[in-house]
Amino acid sequence: MNILWQHLSDPEYLHILINPMPVYGLAVGVLALTLALILRNQRVTIAALVLVFVTALSAWPTYHYGETAYDRVKAMSDPAGEQWLDEHMARGEKMIWLFYVLAGVAAIGVGAVLKWPRTSFAITVGTLVLGGAALGTGFYIAYAGGHVRHKEFRFEPPPQARAEEHHHVGKQKVENSPAQEIKHAGHEEMQQGGGQPKSEEERKQLEASRLQLEASRMQLEASRKQLEAAGGTSPSASPGASPTTQPSPEHQHEHHPPQ
């Protein structure tokens, strides 16, 4: 249960968990609307509209948790993954309104069919058309999202780097090691220069710098632990103490004339 609760508190895990709802779930809703048109049954129509409403509205928490997890996912992505992540976020920001409109139309449609049964055909057709457009949009957004961490899906070069910054409601702070900070700085330079390193030699130099930085970090960590251990065995010693604070007997003899 602790592991499950830990996963459910991670926005990136929740985003992956519910992101099929606006895509595969909405596809089932569109199929149900098609079935309602064929059967011309009021109960089937209402059930299909409710299903479309729920799956379209699920785009909001999917977008919310994806936006919250943006920084953490970007910190663990490679340069191409970062560009796909920016594209995925940009598509979601521009297209999310379509799912909200679809959810509103489906909710109004349920009430209209219950009150005016004769309008069920027109409402079903209109919701079906809008649902098909939203479904295509969902596939378009999810296509970029699948390329962020899955390198096996990258059959084409990454999109152009985007200059605009994303502003997030639940932005999280990610603590990076010095090696990671240098790595991200290198990624930003590559994005400003066109998205990719200019040559294989530059990529090798960046990787070598990253490895050297990581080795230095490990050495510093080992030195810190040794200092802590030394401090524990000799508590009277302090890092700021100077060996010349207590003069030696010879030094005292030199500075005091004989009586």
Protein backbone atom coordinates (compact mmCIF):
# COMPACT_ATOMS: atom_id res chain seq x y z
CA MET A 1 0.00 0.00 0.00
CA ASN A 2 2.89 2.38 0.71
CA ILE A 3 4.29 1.79 -2.78
CA LEU A 4 0.86 2.31 -4.32
CA TRP A 5 0.34 5.54 -2.39
CA GLN A 6 3.81 6.70 -3.43
CA HIS A 7 2.94 6.13 -7.08
CA LEU A 8 -0.40 7.87 -6.77
CA SER A 9 1.33 10.94 -5.31
CA ASP A 10 3.56 11.28 -8.39
CA PRO A 11 1.95 13.48 -11.08
CA GLU A 12 3.88 11.78 -13.88
CA TYR A 13 2.52 8.38 -12.80
CA LEU A 14 -1.06 9.70 -12.66
CA HIS A 15 -0.65 11.30 -16.07
CA ILE A 16 0.41 7.99 -17.61
CA LEU A 17 -2.35 6.19 -15.71
CA ILE A 18 -5.25 8.29 -16.98
CA ASN A 19 -4.06 9.59 -20.35
CA PRO A 20 -5.75 6.72 -22.27
CA MET A 21 -9.13 8.06 -21.12
CA PRO A 22 -9.36 11.02 -23.55
CA VAL A 23 -8.12 8.79 -26.38
CA TYR A 24 -9.17 5.15 -26.06
CA GLY A 25 -12.08 5.95 -23.77
CA LEU A 26 -13.37 8.60 -26.16
CA ALA A 27 -12.99 6.14 -29.04
CA VAL A 28 -15.37 3.79 -27.20
CA GLY A 29 -17.77 6.72 -26.68
CA VAL A 30 -17.73 7.56 -30.40
CA LEU A 31 -18.41 3.91 -31.18
CA ALA A 32 -21.34 3.99 -28.74
CA LEU A 33 -22.74 7.08 -30.47
CA THR A 34 -22.53 5.30 -33.80
CA LEU A 35 -24.41 2.37 -32.33
CA ALA A 36 -27.04 4.77 -30.95
CA LEU A 37 -27.57 6.20 -34.43
CA ILE A 38 -28.12 2.73 -35.83
CA LEU A 39 -30.46 1.52 -33.08
CA ARG A 40 -32.35 4.82 -32.61
CA ASN A 41 -32.80 3.94 -28.95
CA GLN A 42 -33.13 6.69 -26.35
CA ARG A 43 -31.43 4.76 -23.55
CA VAL A 44 -28.49 3.82 -25.74
CA THR A 45 -28.18 7.44 -26.85
CA ILE A 46 -28.14 8.73 -23.27
CA ALA A 47 -25.60 6.10 -22.22
CA ALA A 48 -23.35 7.03 -25.17
CA LEU A 49 -23.60 10.74 -24.34
CA VAL A 50 -22.72 10.11 -20.70
CA LEU A 51 -19.72 8.04 -21.78
CA VAL A 52 -18.56 10.80 -24.11
CA PHE A 53 -19.01 13.38 -21.34
CA VAL A 54 -16.89 11.42 -18.84
CA THR A 55 -14.08 10.61 -21.26
CA ALA A 56 -13.94 14.13 -22.70
CA LEU A 57 -13.89 15.68 -19.23
CA SER A 58 -11.00 13.36 -18.24
CA ALA A 59 -8.80 15.50 -20.49
CA TRP A 60 -8.66 18.09 -17.71
CA PRO A 61 -6.92 15.94 -15.01
CA THR A 62 -4.74 14.42 -17.73
CA TYR A 63 -3.58 17.87 -18.78
CA HIS A 64 -3.23 19.04 -15.16
CA TYR A 65 -0.98 16.17 -14.05
CA GLY A 66 1.03 16.33 -17.26
CA GLU A 67 1.67 20.03 -16.70
CA THR A 68 2.68 19.41 -13.07
CA ALA A 69 5.11 16.64 -14.08
CA TYR A 70 6.65 18.65 -16.93
CA ASP A 71 9.85 19.68 -15.10
CA ARG A 72 10.55 16.27 -13.58
CA VAL A 73 10.07 14.45 -16.87
CA LYS A 74 12.23 16.97 -18.73
CA ALA A 75 15.03 16.52 -16.16
CA MET A 76 15.26 12.80 -17.00
CA SER A 77 14.88 13.10 -20.80
CA ASP A 78 17.51 13.20 -23.51
CA PRO A 79 17.72 16.19 -25.92
CA ALA A 80 15.33 14.66 -28.45
CA GLY A 81 12.94 13.69 -25.67
CA GLU A 82 12.95 17.26 -24.37
CA GLN A 83 11.97 18.57 -27.80
CA TRP A 84 9.16 16.01 -28.08
CA LEU A 85 8.03 16.94 -24.56
CA ASP A 86 7.82 20.62 -25.50
CA GLU A 87 5.85 19.68 -28.62
CA HIS A 88 3.54 17.46 -26.58
CA MET A 89 2.89 20.26 -24.09
CA ALA A 90 2.34 22.85 -26.82
CA ARG A 91 -0.20 20.66 -28.60
CA GLY A 92 -2.07 20.02 -25.37
CA GLU A 93 -2.19 23.71 -24.49
CA LYS A 94 -3.59 24.65 -27.91
CA MET A 95 -6.11 21.81 -28.31
CA ILE A 96 -7.42 21.12 -24.79
CA TRP A 97 -10.38 23.47 -25.26
CA LEU A 98 -11.93 21.09 -27.81
CA PHE A 99 -12.44 18.43 -25.15
CA TYR A 100 -14.12 20.93 -22.85
CA VAL A 101 -16.51 21.93 -25.62
CA LEU A 102 -17.29 18.29 -26.33
CA ALA A 103 -17.98 17.59 -22.64
CA GLY A 104 -20.35 20.57 -22.50
CA VAL A 105 -22.20 19.52 -25.65
CA ALA A 106 -22.58 15.94 -24.35
CA ALA A 107 -23.91 17.17 -21.00
CA ILE A 108 -26.44 19.48 -22.67
CA GLY A 109 -27.35 16.66 -25.04
CA VAL A 110 -28.30 14.34 -22.19
CA GLY A 111 -30.75 16.89 -20.80
CA ALA A 112 -32.14 17.68 -24.26
CA VAL A 113 -32.75 14.03 -25.13
CA LEU A 114 -34.52 13.46 -21.81
CA LYS A 115 -36.77 16.49 -22.27
CA TRP A 116 -37.22 16.42 -26.07
CA PRO A 117 -36.72 12.84 -27.30
CA ARG A 118 -37.23 13.88 -30.93
CA THR A 119 -33.99 15.86 -30.87
CA SER A 120 -31.91 12.76 -30.09
CA PHE A 121 -30.93 12.16 -33.73
CA ALA A 122 -29.63 15.69 -34.33
CA ILE A 123 -27.84 15.78 -30.99
CA THR A 124 -26.26 12.40 -31.60
CA VAL A 125 -25.02 13.41 -35.05
CA GLY A 126 -23.61 16.72 -33.78
CA THR A 127 -21.89 15.09 -30.81
CA LEU A 128 -20.53 12.34 -33.04
CA VAL A 129 -18.93 14.85 -35.43
CA LEU A 130 -17.42 16.86 -32.60
CA GLY A 131 -16.31 13.66 -30.84
CA GLY A 132 -14.53 12.49 -33.98
CA ALA A 133 -12.65 15.79 -34.19
CA ALA A 134 -11.67 15.60 -30.51
CA LEU A 135 -10.59 11.98 -30.95
CA GLY A 136 -8.29 12.92 -33.82
CA THR A 137 -6.89 15.75 -31.72
CA GLY A 138 -6.25 13.34 -28.85
CA PHE A 139 -4.26 11.04 -31.13
CA TYR A 140 -2.31 14.05 -32.43
CA ILE A 141 -1.36 15.12 -28.89
CA ALA A 142 -0.61 11.59 -27.69
CA TYR A 143 1.63 10.92 -30.71
CA ALA A 144 4.14 13.53 -29.51
CA GLY A 145 3.84 12.33 -25.91
CA GLY A 146 4.74 8.77 -26.85
CA HIS A 147 8.08 9.95 -28.27
CA VAL A 148 9.27 11.56 -25.03
CA ARG A 149 10.52 8.44 -23.25
CA HIS A 150 10.07 5.74 -25.89
CA LYS A 151 13.03 5.91 -28.25
CA GLU A 152 11.69 2.97 -30.22
CA PHE A 153 8.83 5.18 -31.44
CA ARG A 154 11.11 7.81 -32.97
CA PHE A 155 10.94 7.08 -36.67
CA GLU A 156 11.42 10.73 -37.61
CA PRO A 157 13.63 13.59 -36.37
CA PRO A 158 12.38 15.58 -33.35
CA PRO A 159 10.40 18.77 -33.94
CA GLN A 160 12.03 22.17 -33.89
CA ALA A 161 12.91 23.50 -30.45
CA ARG A 162 10.34 25.94 -29.11
CA ALA A 163 11.54 29.26 -27.71
CA GLU A 164 8.53 29.97 -25.51
CA GLU A 165 8.48 28.93 -21.87
CA HIS A 166 5.69 26.91 -20.30
CA HIS A 167 4.10 28.29 -17.16
CA HIS A 168 2.75 25.63 -14.85
CA VAL A 169 0.24 25.90 -12.04
CA GLY A 170 1.80 23.15 -9.92
CA LYS A 171 5.39 23.59 -10.97
CA GLN A 172 7.74 21.40 -8.94
CA LYS A 173 11.33 22.11 -8.01
CA VAL A 174 13.80 19.47 -9.12
CA GLU A 175 17.10 19.22 -7.34
CA ASN A 176 19.79 18.29 -9.85
CA SER A 177 23.32 17.19 -9.30
CA PRO A 178 26.10 19.36 -10.79
CA ALA A 179 26.44 16.81 -13.60
CA GLN A 180 22.76 17.08 -14.44
CA GLU A 181 22.89 20.88 -14.40
CA ILE A 182 25.79 20.89 -16.84
CA LYS A 183 23.95 18.33 -18.95
CA HIS A 184 20.82 20.51 -19.13
CA ALA A 185 22.89 23.58 -19.89
CA GLY A 186 24.44 21.68 -22.77
CA HIS A 187 20.99 20.66 -23.94
CA GLU A 188 19.83 24.29 -23.93
CA GLU A 189 22.85 25.31 -25.97
CA MET A 190 22.14 22.54 -28.46
CA GLN A 191 18.51 23.62 -28.73
CA GLN A 192 19.50 27.23 -29.35
CA GLY A 193 21.95 26.10 -31.98
CA GLY A 194 19.42 24.06 -33.92
CA GLY A 195 18.32 21.25 -31.67
CA GLN A 196 21.23 18.82 -32.14
CA PRO A 197 25.05 18.90 -31.71
CA LYS A 198 26.85 19.89 -34.86
CA SER A 199 29.18 16.88 -34.98
CA GLU A 200 29.88 13.55 -33.38
CA GLU A 201 33.04 15.01 -31.85
CA GLU A 202 31.04 17.65 -29.93
CA ARG A 203 28.69 14.98 -28.60
CA LYS A 204 31.68 12.97 -27.38
CA GLN A 205 33.17 16.05 -25.71
CA LEU A 206 29.91 16.79 -23.92
CA GLU A 207 29.67 13.19 -22.73
CA ALA A 208 33.27 13.24 -21.53
CA SER A 209 32.65 16.49 -19.63
CA ARG A 210 29.58 14.97 -18.04
CA LEU A 211 31.53 11.89 -16.92
CA GLN A 212 34.36 14.03 -15.50
CA LEU A 213 31.88 16.16 -13.60
CA GLU A 214 30.19 13.07 -12.19
CA ALA A 215 33.57 11.69 -11.08
CA SER A 216 34.41 15.01 -9.39
CA ARG A 217 31.08 14.99 -7.61
CA MET A 218 31.74 11.48 -6.30
CA GLN A 219 35.20 12.50 -5.10
CA LEU A 220 33.77 15.51 -3.29
CA GLU A 221 31.14 13.32 -1.70
CA ALA A 222 33.82 10.86 -0.53
CA SER A 223 35.93 13.72 0.88
CA ARG A 224 32.93 15.09 2.73
CA LYS A 225 32.26 11.70 4.31
CA GLN A 226 35.93 11.39 5.36
CA LEU A 227 35.80 14.83 6.97
CA GLU A 228 32.64 13.90 8.82
CA ALA A 229 34.26 10.68 10.04
CA ALA A 230 37.36 12.58 11.16
CA GLY A 231 35.19 15.10 12.97
CA GLY A 232 33.43 12.27 14.81
CA THR A 233 36.66 10.67 16.06
CA SER A 234 38.30 13.96 17.15
CA PRO A 235 35.60 16.37 18.25
CA SER A 236 38.11 18.89 19.64
CA ALA A 237 39.43 19.55 16.15
CA SER A 238 37.64 22.14 14.09
CA PRO A 239 37.98 22.82 10.34
CA GLY A 240 38.73 26.51 10.88
CA ALA A 241 41.45 26.01 13.50
CA SER A 242 44.91 27.14 12.48
CA PRO A 243 48.06 25.22 13.49
CA THR A 244 49.77 28.51 14.37
CA THR A 245 47.30 29.59 17.03
CA GLN A 246 49.47 28.11 19.83
CA PRO A 247 53.13 29.22 19.62
CA SER A 248 55.80 26.61 20.16
CA PRO A 249 58.28 26.82 23.06
CA GLU A 250 61.08 27.72 20.64
CA HIS A 251 58.97 30.57 19.29
CA GLN A 252 58.30 31.86 22.80
CA HIS A 253 62.01 31.66 23.67
CA GLU A 254 62.97 33.69 20.62
CA HIS A 255 60.58 36.51 21.45
CA HIS A 256 61.33 36.80 25.22
CA PRO A 257 64.79 38.23 26.16
CA PRO A 258 66.66 36.47 28.95
CA GLN A 259 66.07 37.79 32.47
